[in-house]
Amino acid sequence: MRNRRPLPLAFGREVRRRRLALGLTLEQLAERSSLTPNYIGTVEHGQRDPSLSTILALARGLGVAPGELLGGIGETGPLALEAARLIEAQPPEVQEAMLELLRSMSRRRRG
């Protein structure tokens, strides 16, 4: 079983909630979004990190704006906003190095 993370799980729950509110089956949403029912099921259960194209396809299939599916997921606090501003101010090669440093620190923290 895959390790389910909070953001994909919250996104998947929102997709499922909206699908059920519309009275759609997985198959119907799959047809409307050009995705497979099995893939949508894995997204709904938080087993996949959906790509941007998947988020757009699901939003289209549900008849909502993509941001509505994301809602308050991962709301950014002031420290994260400051970090993003500092990173964005750097040239691309420095941005990549900073991102790799953050990833490395995150991996070490998780053990």
PDB file of N, CA and C in Angstrom:
ATOM      1  N   MET A   1       0.845  -1.187   0.000  1.00  0.00           N
ATOM      2  CA  MET A   1       0.000   0.000   0.000  1.00  0.00           C
ATOM      3  C   MET A   1       0.889   1.249   0.000  1.00  0.00           C
ATOM      4  N   ARG A   2       0.537   2.207  -0.786  1.00  0.00           N
ATOM      5  CA  ARG A   2       1.327   3.432  -0.868  1.00  0.00           C
ATOM      6  C   ARG A   2       1.093   4.306   0.354  1.00  0.00           C
ATOM      7  N   ASN A   3       2.114   5.064   0.687  1.00  0.00           N
ATOM      8  CA  ASN A   3       2.015   6.010   1.791  1.00  0.00           C
ATOM      9  C   ASN A   3       1.149   7.188   1.344  1.00  0.00           C
ATOM     10  N   ARG A   4       0.025   7.403   2.004  1.00  0.00           N
ATOM     11  CA  ARG A   4      -0.867   8.493   1.611  1.00  0.00           C
ATOM     12  C   ARG A   4      -0.484   9.764   2.342  1.00  0.00           C
ATOM     13  N   ARG A   5      -0.310  10.825   1.560  1.00  0.00           N
ATOM     14  CA  ARG A   5       0.091  12.115   2.104  1.00  0.00           C
ATOM     15  C   ARG A   5      -1.131  13.024   2.207  1.00  0.00           C
ATOM     16  N   PRO A   6      -1.081  14.006   3.099  1.00  0.00           N
ATOM     17  CA  PRO A   6      -2.251  14.853   3.356  1.00  0.00           C
ATOM     18  C   PRO A   6      -2.788  15.606   2.142  1.00  0.00           C
ATOM     19  N   LEU A   7      -1.929  16.197   1.315  1.00  0.00           N
ATOM     20  CA  LEU A   7      -2.435  17.000   0.195  1.00  0.00           C
ATOM     21  C   LEU A   7      -3.144  16.161  -0.860  1.00  0.00           C
ATOM     22  N   PRO A   8      -2.537  15.065  -1.352  1.00  0.00           N
ATOM     23  CA  PRO A   8      -3.274  14.246  -2.318  1.00  0.00           C
ATOM     24  C   PRO A   8      -4.550  13.661  -1.724  1.00  0.00           C
ATOM     25  N   LEU A   9      -4.520  13.314  -0.447  1.00  0.00           N
ATOM     26  CA  LEU A   9      -5.702  12.757   0.201  1.00  0.00           C
ATOM     27  C   LEU A   9      -6.818  13.796   0.276  1.00  0.00           C
ATOM     28  N   ALA A  10      -6.488  15.018   0.664  1.00  0.00           N
ATOM     29  CA  ALA A  10      -7.493  16.086   0.738  1.00  0.00           C
ATOM     30  C   ALA A  10      -8.043  16.407  -0.649  1.00  0.00           C
ATOM     31  N   PHE A  11      -7.171  16.451  -1.655  1.00  0.00           N
ATOM     32  CA  PHE A  11      -7.620  16.713  -3.020  1.00  0.00           C
ATOM     33  C   PHE A  11      -8.566  15.604  -3.476  1.00  0.00           C
ATOM     34  N   GLY A  12      -8.177  14.362  -3.250  1.00  0.00           N
ATOM     35  CA  GLY A  12      -9.007  13.232  -3.654  1.00  0.00           C
ATOM     36  C   GLY A  12     -10.368  13.231  -2.982  1.00  0.00           C
ATOM     37  N   ARG A  13     -10.394  13.565  -1.717  1.00  0.00           N
ATOM     38  CA  ARG A  13     -11.677  13.631  -0.998  1.00  0.00           C
ATOM     39  C   ARG A  13     -12.588  14.707  -1.587  1.00  0.00           C
ATOM     40  N   GLU A  14     -11.987  15.824  -1.987  1.00  0.00           N
ATOM     41  CA  GLU A  14     -12.783  16.902  -2.585  1.00  0.00           C
ATOM     42  C   GLU A  14     -13.328  16.479  -3.946  1.00  0.00           C
ATOM     43  N   VAL A  15     -12.522  15.793  -4.736  1.00  0.00           N
ATOM     44  CA  VAL A  15     -12.995  15.286  -6.033  1.00  0.00           C
ATOM     45  C   VAL A  15     -14.162  14.330  -5.806  1.00  0.00           C
ATOM     46  N   ARG A  16     -13.996  13.396  -4.879  1.00  0.00           N
ATOM     47  CA  ARG A  16     -15.053  12.418  -4.592  1.00  0.00           C
ATOM     48  C   ARG A  16     -16.326  13.115  -4.084  1.00  0.00           C
ATOM     49  N   ARG A  17     -16.154  14.065  -3.178  1.00  0.00           N
ATOM     50  CA  ARG A  17     -17.313  14.776  -2.628  1.00  0.00           C
ATOM     51  C   ARG A  17     -18.102  15.456  -3.741  1.00  0.00           C
ATOM     52  N   ARG A  18     -17.400  16.123  -4.632  1.00  0.00           N
ATOM     53  CA  ARG A  18     -18.073  16.829  -5.724  1.00  0.00           C
ATOM     54  C   ARG A  18     -18.687  15.857  -6.731  1.00  0.00           C
ATOM     55  N   ARG A  19     -17.989  14.760  -7.011  1.00  0.00           N
ATOM     56  CA  ARG A  19     -18.530  13.761  -7.944  1.00  0.00           C
ATOM     57  C   ARG A  19     -19.837  13.191  -7.414  1.00  0.00           C
ATOM     58  N   LEU A  20     -19.841  12.824  -6.143  1.00  0.00           N
ATOM     59  CA  LEU A  20     -21.045  12.259  -5.542  1.00  0.00           C
ATOM     60  C   LEU A  20     -22.164  13.293  -5.456  1.00  0.00           C
ATOM     61  N   ALA A  21     -21.815  14.544  -5.176  1.00  0.00           N
ATOM     62  CA  ALA A  21     -22.825  15.612  -5.115  1.00  0.00           C
ATOM     63  C   ALA A  21     -23.506  15.799  -6.470  1.00  0.00           C
ATOM     64  N   LEU A  22     -22.767  15.540  -7.539  1.00  0.00           N
ATOM     65  CA  LEU A  22     -23.337  15.639  -8.890  1.00  0.00           C
ATOM     66  C   LEU A  22     -24.048  14.356  -9.310  1.00  0.00           C
ATOM     67  N   GLY A  23     -23.950  13.329  -8.477  1.00  0.00           N
ATOM     68  CA  GLY A  23     -24.575  12.052  -8.797  1.00  0.00           C
ATOM     69  C   GLY A  23     -23.859  11.294  -9.905  1.00  0.00           C
ATOM     70  N   LEU A  24     -22.562  11.521 -10.039  1.00  0.00           N
ATOM     71  CA  LEU A  24     -21.788  10.875 -11.100  1.00  0.00           C
ATOM     72  C   LEU A  24     -21.111   9.607 -10.589  1.00  0.00           C
ATOM     73  N   THR A  25     -21.052   8.598 -11.440  1.00  0.00           N
ATOM     74  CA  THR A  25     -20.253   7.413 -11.151  1.00  0.00           C
ATOM     75  C   THR A  25     -18.814   7.695 -11.572  1.00  0.00           C
ATOM     76  N   LEU A  26     -17.914   6.826 -11.163  1.00  0.00           N
ATOM     77  CA  LEU A  26     -16.527   6.961 -11.616  1.00  0.00           C
ATOM     78  C   LEU A  26     -16.459   6.905 -13.141  1.00  0.00           C
ATOM     79  N   GLU A  27     -17.255   6.022 -13.727  1.00  0.00           N
ATOM     80  CA  GLU A  27     -17.259   5.868 -15.180  1.00  0.00           C
ATOM     81  C   GLU A  27     -17.737   7.139 -15.877  1.00  0.00           C
ATOM     82  N   GLN A  28     -18.760   7.764 -15.326  1.00  0.00           N
ATOM     83  CA  GLN A  28     -19.274   9.000 -15.932  1.00  0.00           C
ATOM     84  C   GLN A  28     -18.253  10.130 -15.834  1.00  0.00           C
ATOM     85  N   LEU A  29     -17.619  10.263 -14.675  1.00  0.00           N
ATOM     86  CA  LEU A  29     -16.595  11.296 -14.537  1.00  0.00           C
ATOM     87  C   LEU A  29     -15.414  10.989 -15.450  1.00  0.00           C
ATOM     88  N   ALA A  30     -15.067   9.724 -15.579  1.00  0.00           N
ATOM     89  CA  ALA A  30     -13.966   9.335 -16.463  1.00  0.00           C
ATOM     90  C   ALA A  30     -14.257   9.757 -17.900  1.00  0.00           C
ATOM     91  N   GLU A  31     -15.478   9.524 -18.336  1.00  0.00           N
ATOM     92  CA  GLU A  31     -15.858   9.910 -19.698  1.00  0.00           C
ATOM     93  C   GLU A  31     -15.802  11.423 -19.875  1.00  0.00           C
ATOM     94  N   ARG A  32     -16.264  12.145 -18.884  1.00  0.00           N
ATOM     95  CA  ARG A  32     -16.291  13.610 -18.968  1.00  0.00           C
ATOM     96  C   ARG A  32     -14.901  14.233 -18.868  1.00  0.00           C
ATOM     97  N   SER A  33     -13.972  13.525 -18.246  1.00  0.00           N
ATOM     98  CA  SER A  33     -12.640  14.094 -18.022  1.00  0.00           C
ATOM     99  C   SER A  33     -11.543  13.436 -18.863  1.00  0.00           C
ATOM    100  N   SER A  34     -11.917  12.442 -19.663  1.00  0.00           N
ATOM    101  CA  SER A  34     -10.953  11.707 -20.503  1.00  0.00           C
ATOM    102  C   SER A  34      -9.866  11.016 -19.677  1.00  0.00           C
ATOM    103  N   LEU A  35     -10.246  10.535 -18.497  1.00  0.00           N
ATOM    104  CA  LEU A  35      -9.360   9.747 -17.645  1.00  0.00           C
ATOM    105  C   LEU A  35     -10.005   8.382 -17.449  1.00  0.00           C
ATOM    106  N   THR A  36      -9.283   7.429 -16.892  1.00  0.00           N
ATOM    107  CA  THR A  36      -9.884   6.117 -16.648  1.00  0.00           C
ATOM    108  C   THR A  36     -10.535   6.082 -15.265  1.00  0.00           C
ATOM    109  N   PRO A  37     -11.591   5.283 -15.107  1.00  0.00           N
ATOM    110  CA  PRO A  37     -12.226   5.169 -13.785  1.00  0.00           C
ATOM    111  C   PRO A  37     -11.238   4.699 -12.717  1.00  0.00           C
ATOM    112  N   ASN A  38     -10.376   3.752 -13.075  1.00  0.00           N
ATOM    113  CA  ASN A  38      -9.401   3.240 -12.117  1.00  0.00           C
ATOM    114  C   ASN A  38      -8.460   4.348 -11.641  1.00  0.00           C
ATOM    115  N   TYR A  39      -7.990   5.163 -12.569  1.00  0.00           N
ATOM    116  CA  TYR A  39      -7.082   6.250 -12.198  1.00  0.00           C
ATOM    117  C   TYR A  39      -7.794   7.258 -11.289  1.00  0.00           C
ATOM    118  N   ILE A  40      -9.020   7.615 -11.631  1.00  0.00           N
ATOM    119  CA  ILE A  40      -9.776   8.559 -10.792  1.00  0.00           C
ATOM    120  C   ILE A  40      -9.959   7.980  -9.392  1.00  0.00           C
ATOM    121  N   GLY A  41     -10.223   6.684  -9.308  1.00  0.00           N
ATOM    122  CA  GLY A  41     -10.360   6.036  -8.006  1.00  0.00           C
ATOM    123  C   GLY A  41      -9.100   6.160  -7.165  1.00  0.00           C
ATOM    124  N   THR A  42      -7.939   5.992  -7.808  1.00  0.00           N
ATOM    125  CA  THR A  42      -6.690   6.127  -7.049  1.00  0.00           C
ATOM    126  C   THR A  42      -6.462   7.568  -6.607  1.00  0.00           C
ATOM    127  N   VAL A  43      -6.881   8.524  -7.437  1.00  0.00           N
ATOM    128  CA  VAL A  43      -6.778   9.941  -7.049  1.00  0.00           C
ATOM    129  C   VAL A  43      -7.706  10.214  -5.865  1.00  0.00           C
ATOM    130  N   GLU A  44      -8.942   9.719  -5.952  1.00  0.00           N
ATOM    131  CA  GLU A  44      -9.914   9.952  -4.875  1.00  0.00           C
ATOM    132  C   GLU A  44      -9.453   9.372  -3.543  1.00  0.00           C
ATOM    133  N   HIS A  45      -8.688   8.312  -3.591  1.00  0.00           N
ATOM    134  CA  HIS A  45      -8.209   7.683  -2.361  1.00  0.00           C
ATOM    135  C   HIS A  45      -6.839   8.194  -1.926  1.00  0.00           C
ATOM    136  N   GLY A  46      -6.348   9.245  -2.595  1.00  0.00           N
ATOM    137  CA  GLY A  46      -5.086   9.858  -2.195  1.00  0.00           C
ATOM    138  C   GLY A  46      -3.864   9.025  -2.512  1.00  0.00           C
ATOM    139  N   GLN A  47      -4.003   8.077  -3.438  1.00  0.00           N
ATOM    140  CA  GLN A  47      -2.897   7.192  -3.784  1.00  0.00           C
ATOM    141  C   GLN A  47      -2.043   7.740  -4.923  1.00  0.00           C
ATOM    142  N   ARG A  48      -2.449   8.863  -5.489  1.00  0.00           N
ATOM    143  CA  ARG A  48      -1.701   9.493  -6.581  1.00  0.00           C
ATOM    144  C   ARG A  48      -1.523  10.969  -6.296  1.00  0.00           C
ATOM    145  N   ASP A  49      -0.393  11.505  -6.724  1.00  0.00           N
ATOM    146  CA  ASP A  49      -0.182  12.948  -6.743  1.00  0.00           C
ATOM    147  C   ASP A  49      -0.631  13.402  -8.123  1.00  0.00           C
ATOM    148  N   PRO A  50      -1.795  14.018  -8.233  1.00  0.00           N
ATOM    149  CA  PRO A  50      -2.279  14.378  -9.570  1.00  0.00           C
ATOM    150  C   PRO A  50      -1.428  15.459 -10.220  1.00  0.00           C
ATOM    151  N   SER A  51      -1.191  15.290 -11.507  1.00  0.00           N
ATOM    152  CA  SER A  51      -0.461  16.303 -12.275  1.00  0.00           C
ATOM    153  C   SER A  51      -1.397  17.473 -12.555  1.00  0.00           C
ATOM    154  N   LEU A  52      -0.832  18.546 -13.049  1.00  0.00           N
ATOM    155  CA  LEU A  52      -1.645  19.707 -13.411  1.00  0.00           C
ATOM    156  C   LEU A  52      -2.671  19.327 -14.465  1.00  0.00           C
ATOM    157  N   SER A  53      -2.279  18.522 -15.443  1.00  0.00           N
ATOM    158  CA  SER A  53      -3.229  18.132 -16.494  1.00  0.00           C
ATOM    159  C   SER A  53      -4.367  17.293 -15.917  1.00  0.00           C
ATOM    160  N   THR A  54      -4.079  16.468 -14.912  1.00  0.00           N
ATOM    161  CA  THR A  54      -5.132  15.682 -14.260  1.00  0.00           C
ATOM    162  C   THR A  54      -6.075  16.588 -13.484  1.00  0.00           C
ATOM    163  N   ILE A  55      -5.530  17.557 -12.763  1.00  0.00           N
ATOM    164  CA  ILE A  55      -6.367  18.505 -12.016  1.00  0.00           C
ATOM    165  C   ILE A  55      -7.286  19.254 -12.977  1.00  0.00           C
ATOM    166  N   LEU A  56      -6.736  19.699 -14.105  1.00  0.00           N
ATOM    167  CA  LEU A  56      -7.542  20.419 -15.100  1.00  0.00           C
ATOM    168  C   LEU A  56      -8.616  19.521 -15.694  1.00  0.00           C
ATOM    169  N   ALA A  57      -8.263  18.273 -15.993  1.00  0.00           N
ATOM    170  CA  ALA A  57      -9.229  17.336 -16.570  1.00  0.00           C
ATOM    171  C   ALA A  57     -10.362  17.044 -15.589  1.00  0.00           C
ATOM    172  N   LEU A  58     -10.025  16.827 -14.331  1.00  0.00           N
ATOM    173  CA  LEU A  58     -11.062  16.556 -13.329  1.00  0.00           C
ATOM    174  C   LEU A  58     -11.949  17.776 -13.113  1.00  0.00           C
ATOM    175  N   ALA A  59     -11.352  18.948 -13.082  1.00  0.00           N
ATOM    176  CA  ALA A  59     -12.146  20.173 -12.935  1.00  0.00           C
ATOM    177  C   ALA A  59     -13.117  20.309 -14.104  1.00  0.00           C
ATOM    178  N   ARG A  60     -12.633  20.063 -15.314  1.00  0.00           N
ATOM    179  CA  ARG A  60     -13.494  20.126 -16.495  1.00  0.00           C
ATOM    180  C   ARG A  60     -14.633  19.105 -16.380  1.00  0.00           C
ATOM    181  N   GLY A  61     -14.291  17.886 -15.977  1.00  0.00           N
ATOM    182  CA  GLY A  61     -15.296  16.835 -15.840  1.00  0.00           C
ATOM    183  C   GLY A  61     -16.338  17.133 -14.779  1.00  0.00           C
ATOM    184  N   LEU A  62     -15.939  17.847 -13.750  1.00  0.00           N
ATOM    185  CA  LEU A  62     -16.863  18.200 -12.664  1.00  0.00           C
ATOM    186  C   LEU A  62     -17.540  19.548 -12.888  1.00  0.00           C
ATOM    187  N   GLY A  63     -17.105  20.258 -13.930  1.00  0.00           N
ATOM    188  CA  GLY A  63     -17.710  21.553 -14.244  1.00  0.00           C
ATOM    189  C   GLY A  63     -17.366  22.645 -13.245  1.00  0.00           C
ATOM    190  N   VAL A  64     -16.148  22.596 -12.717  1.00  0.00           N
ATOM    191  CA  VAL A  64     -15.717  23.608 -11.746  1.00  0.00           C
ATOM    192  C   VAL A  64     -14.368  24.177 -12.172  1.00  0.00           C
ATOM    193  N   ALA A  65     -14.009  25.300 -11.576  1.00  0.00           N
ATOM    194  CA  ALA A  65     -12.678  25.861 -11.795  1.00  0.00           C
ATOM    195  C   ALA A  65     -11.669  25.010 -11.025  1.00  0.00           C
ATOM    196  N   PRO A  66     -10.464  24.826 -11.557  1.00  0.00           N
ATOM    197  CA  PRO A  66      -9.469  24.005 -10.862  1.00  0.00           C
ATOM    198  C   PRO A  66      -9.226  24.436  -9.417  1.00  0.00           C
ATOM    199  N   GLY A  67      -9.226  25.732  -9.167  1.00  0.00           N
ATOM    200  CA  GLY A  67      -9.000  26.229  -7.815  1.00  0.00           C
ATOM    201  C   GLY A  67     -10.042  25.762  -6.820  1.00  0.00           C
ATOM    202  N   GLU A  68     -11.258  25.490  -7.307  1.00  0.00           N
ATOM    203  CA  GLU A  68     -12.309  25.010  -6.412  1.00  0.00           C
ATOM    204  C   GLU A  68     -11.993  23.622  -5.873  1.00  0.00           C
ATOM    205  N   LEU A  69     -11.276  22.827  -6.648  1.00  0.00           N
ATOM    206  CA  LEU A  69     -10.895  21.495  -6.173  1.00  0.00           C
ATOM    207  C   LEU A  69      -9.758  21.575  -5.166  1.00  0.00           C
ATOM    208  N   LEU A  70      -8.997  22.646  -5.246  1.00  0.00           N
ATOM    209  CA  LEU A  70      -7.863  22.806  -4.340  1.00  0.00           C
ATOM    210  C   LEU A  70      -8.270  23.509  -3.055  1.00  0.00           C
ATOM    211  N   GLY A  71      -9.318  24.335  -3.129  1.00  0.00           N
ATOM    212  CA  GLY A  71      -9.845  25.011  -1.947  1.00  0.00           C
ATOM    213  C   GLY A  71      -8.762  25.525  -1.036  1.00  0.00           C
ATOM    214  N   GLY A  72      -8.824  25.152   0.219  1.00  0.00           N
ATOM    215  CA  GLY A  72      -7.841  25.601   1.198  1.00  0.00           C
ATOM    216  C   GLY A  72      -6.677  24.649   1.353  1.00  0.00           C
ATOM    217  N   ILE A  73      -6.551  23.689   0.425  1.00  0.00           N
ATOM    218  CA  ILE A  73      -5.477  22.704   0.529  1.00  0.00           C
ATOM    219  C   ILE A  73      -4.130  23.399   0.487  1.00  0.00           C
ATOM    220  N   GLY A  74      -3.335  23.132   1.470  1.00  0.00           N
ATOM    221  CA  GLY A  74      -1.974  23.656   1.478  1.00  0.00           C
ATOM    222  C   GLY A  74      -1.881  25.164   1.539  1.00  0.00           C
ATOM    223  N   GLU A  75      -2.821  25.786   2.258  1.00  0.00           N
ATOM    224  CA  GLU A  75      -2.756  27.242   2.364  1.00  0.00           C
ATOM    225  C   GLU A  75      -1.374  27.658   2.838  1.00  0.00           C
ATOM    226  N   THR A  76      -0.875  28.681   2.225  1.00  0.00           N
ATOM    227  CA  THR A  76       0.497  29.095   2.459  1.00  0.00           C
ATOM    228  C   THR A  76       0.579  30.118   3.581  1.00  0.00           C
ATOM    229  N   GLY A  77       1.452  29.835   4.534  1.00  0.00           N
ATOM    230  CA  GLY A  77       1.672  30.752   5.637  1.00  0.00           C
ATOM    231  C   GLY A  77       2.723  31.785   5.285  1.00  0.00           C
ATOM    232  N   PRO A  78       2.938  32.752   6.171  1.00  0.00           N
ATOM    233  CA  PRO A  78       3.873  33.843   5.884  1.00  0.00           C
ATOM    234  C   PRO A  78       5.312  33.381   5.661  1.00  0.00           C
ATOM    235  N   LEU A  79       5.768  32.361   6.387  1.00  0.00           N
ATOM    236  CA  LEU A  79       7.139  31.882   6.187  1.00  0.00           C
ATOM    237  C   LEU A  79       7.308  31.264   4.803  1.00  0.00           C
ATOM    238  N   ALA A  80       6.329  30.481   4.377  1.00  0.00           N
ATOM    239  CA  ALA A  80       6.405  29.861   3.050  1.00  0.00           C
ATOM    240  C   ALA A  80       6.360  30.919   1.957  1.00  0.00           C
ATOM    241  N   LEU A  81       5.541  31.954   2.155  1.00  0.00           N
ATOM    242  CA  LEU A  81       5.479  33.030   1.161  1.00  0.00           C
ATOM    243  C   LEU A  81       6.809  33.773   1.068  1.00  0.00           C
ATOM    244  N   GLU A  82       7.430  34.033   2.220  1.00  0.00           N
ATOM    245  CA  GLU A  82       8.725  34.710   2.207  1.00  0.00           C
ATOM    246  C   GLU A  82       9.776  33.846   1.517  1.00  0.00           C
ATOM    247  N   ALA A  83       9.771  32.545   1.813  1.00  0.00           N
ATOM    248  CA  ALA A  83      10.724  31.633   1.172  1.00  0.00           C
ATOM    249  C   ALA A  83      10.513  31.615  -0.337  1.00  0.00           C
ATOM    250  N   ALA A  84       9.257  31.587  -0.765  1.00  0.00           N
ATOM    251  CA  ALA A  84       8.965  31.586  -2.201  1.00  0.00           C
ATOM    252  C   ALA A  84       9.471  32.868  -2.859  1.00  0.00           C
ATOM    253  N   ARG A  85       9.257  33.998  -2.208  1.00  0.00           N
ATOM    254  CA  ARG A  85       9.737  35.274  -2.765  1.00  0.00           C
ATOM    255  C   ARG A  85      11.260  35.290  -2.888  1.00  0.00           C
ATOM    256  N   LEU A  86      11.940  34.785  -1.863  1.00  0.00           N
ATOM    257  CA  LEU A  86      13.405  34.746  -1.900  1.00  0.00           C
ATOM    258  C   LEU A  86      13.907  33.834  -3.017  1.00  0.00           C
ATOM    259  N   ILE A  87      13.264  32.697  -3.178  1.00  0.00           N
ATOM    260  CA  ILE A  87      13.666  31.764  -4.235  1.00  0.00           C
ATOM    261  C   ILE A  87      13.400  32.360  -5.609  1.00  0.00           C
ATOM    262  N   GLU A  88      12.219  32.966  -5.786  1.00  0.00           N
ATOM    263  CA  GLU A  88      11.858  33.540  -7.089  1.00  0.00           C
ATOM    264  C   GLU A  88      12.802  34.664  -7.510  1.00  0.00           C
ATOM    265  N   ALA A  89      13.438  35.318  -6.557  1.00  0.00           N
ATOM    266  CA  ALA A  89      14.332  36.434  -6.872  1.00  0.00           C
ATOM    267  C   ALA A  89      15.688  35.965  -7.404  1.00  0.00           C
ATOM    268  N   GLN A  90      15.932  34.661  -7.366  1.00  0.00           N
ATOM    269  CA  GLN A  90      17.225  34.114  -7.779  1.00  0.00           C
ATOM    270  C   GLN A  90      17.195  33.668  -9.243  1.00  0.00           C
ATOM    271  N   PRO A  91      18.365  33.572  -9.868  1.00  0.00           N
ATOM    272  CA  PRO A  91      18.427  33.023 -11.225  1.00  0.00           C
ATOM    273  C   PRO A  91      18.043  31.536 -11.204  1.00  0.00           C
ATOM    274  N   PRO A  92      17.602  30.992 -12.341  1.00  0.00           N
ATOM    275  CA  PRO A  92      17.116  29.609 -12.390  1.00  0.00           C
ATOM    276  C   PRO A  92      18.067  28.570 -11.798  1.00  0.00           C
ATOM    277  N   GLU A  93      19.360  28.694 -12.062  1.00  0.00           N
ATOM    278  CA  GLU A  93      20.296  27.679 -11.545  1.00  0.00           C
ATOM    279  C   GLU A  93      20.380  27.736 -10.019  1.00  0.00           C
ATOM    280  N   VAL A  94      20.250  28.913  -9.440  1.00  0.00           N
ATOM    281  CA  VAL A  94      20.256  29.047  -7.979  1.00  0.00           C
ATOM    282  C   VAL A  94      18.934  28.522  -7.414  1.00  0.00           C
ATOM    283  N   GLN A  95      17.831  28.782  -8.110  1.00  0.00           N
ATOM    284  CA  GLN A  95      16.534  28.250  -7.684  1.00  0.00           C
ATOM    285  C   GLN A  95      16.590  26.728  -7.594  1.00  0.00           C
ATOM    286  N   GLU A  96      17.159  26.093  -8.618  1.00  0.00           N
ATOM    287  CA  GLU A  96      17.275  24.629  -8.622  1.00  0.00           C
ATOM    288  C   GLU A  96      18.107  24.143  -7.442  1.00  0.00           C
ATOM    289  N   ALA A  97      19.222  24.810  -7.176  1.00  0.00           N
ATOM    290  CA  ALA A  97      20.087  24.421  -6.055  1.00  0.00           C
ATOM    291  C   ALA A  97      19.354  24.579  -4.724  1.00  0.00           C
ATOM    292  N   MET A  98      18.607  25.663  -4.578  1.00  0.00           N
ATOM    293  CA  MET A  98      17.861  25.899  -3.337  1.00  0.00           C
ATOM    294  C   MET A  98      16.780  24.841  -3.157  1.00  0.00           C
ATOM    295  N   LEU A  99      16.104  24.504  -4.236  1.00  0.00           N
ATOM    296  CA  LEU A  99      15.057  23.490  -4.172  1.00  0.00           C
ATOM    297  C   LEU A  99      15.648  22.132  -3.806  1.00  0.00           C
ATOM    298  N   GLU A 100      16.772  21.793  -4.394  1.00  0.00           N
ATOM    299  CA  GLU A 100      17.424  20.520  -4.064  1.00  0.00           C
ATOM    300  C   GLU A 100      17.851  20.490  -2.605  1.00  0.00           C
ATOM    301  N   LEU A 101      18.329  21.607  -2.085  1.00  0.00           N
ATOM    302  CA  LEU A 101      18.698  21.689  -0.672  1.00  0.00           C
ATOM    303  C   LEU A 101      17.477  21.436   0.215  1.00  0.00           C
ATOM    304  N   LEU A 102      16.353  22.055  -0.115  1.00  0.00           N
ATOM    305  CA  LEU A 102      15.122  21.847   0.660  1.00  0.00           C
ATOM    306  C   LEU A 102      14.664  20.396   0.591  1.00  0.00           C
ATOM    307  N   ARG A 103      14.737  19.801  -0.589  1.00  0.00           N
ATOM    308  CA  ARG A 103      14.353  18.388  -0.731  1.00  0.00           C
ATOM    309  C   ARG A 103      15.245  17.496   0.131  1.00  0.00           C
ATOM    310  N   SER A 104      16.535  17.761   0.100  1.00  0.00           N
ATOM    311  CA  SER A 104      17.483  16.977   0.886  1.00  0.00           C
ATOM    312  C   SER A 104      17.180  17.095   2.379  1.00  0.00           C
ATOM    313  N   MET A 105      16.915  18.299   2.823  1.00  0.00           N
ATOM    314  CA  MET A 105      16.588  18.515   4.236  1.00  0.00           C
ATOM    315  C   MET A 105      15.298  17.797   4.608  1.00  0.00           C
ATOM    316  N   SER A 106      14.331  17.812   3.722  1.00  0.00           N
ATOM    317  CA  SER A 106      13.058  17.147   3.974  1.00  0.00           C
ATOM    318  C   SER A 106      13.238  15.635   4.070  1.00  0.00           C
ATOM    319  N   ARG A 107      14.055  15.073   3.177  1.00  0.00           N
ATOM    320  CA  ARG A 107      14.307  13.625   3.210  1.00  0.00           C
ATOM    321  C   ARG A 107      14.991  13.229   4.511  1.00  0.00           C
ATOM    322  N   ARG A 108      15.952  14.014   4.947  1.00  0.00           N
ATOM    323  CA  ARG A 108      16.672  13.710   6.191  1.00  0.00           C
ATOM    324  C   ARG A 108      15.741  13.762   7.390  1.00  0.00           C
ATOM    325  N   ARG A 109      14.836  14.719   7.376  1.00  0.00           N
ATOM    326  CA  ARG A 109      13.901  14.882   8.493  1.00  0.00           C
ATOM    327  C   ARG A 109      12.963  13.687   8.599  1.00  0.00           C
ATOM    328  N   ARG A 110      12.541  13.167   7.438  1.00  0.00           N
ATOM    329  CA  ARG A 110      11.635  12.019   7.427  1.00  0.00           C
ATOM    330  C   ARG A 110      12.344  10.730   7.803  1.00  0.00           C
ATOM    331  N   GLY A 111      13.659  10.758   7.730  1.00  0.00           N
ATOM    332  CA  GLY A 111      14.459   9.604   8.137  1.00  0.00           C
ATOM    333  C   GLY A 111      14.640   8.641   7.075  1.00  0.00           C
TER     334      GLY A 111
END
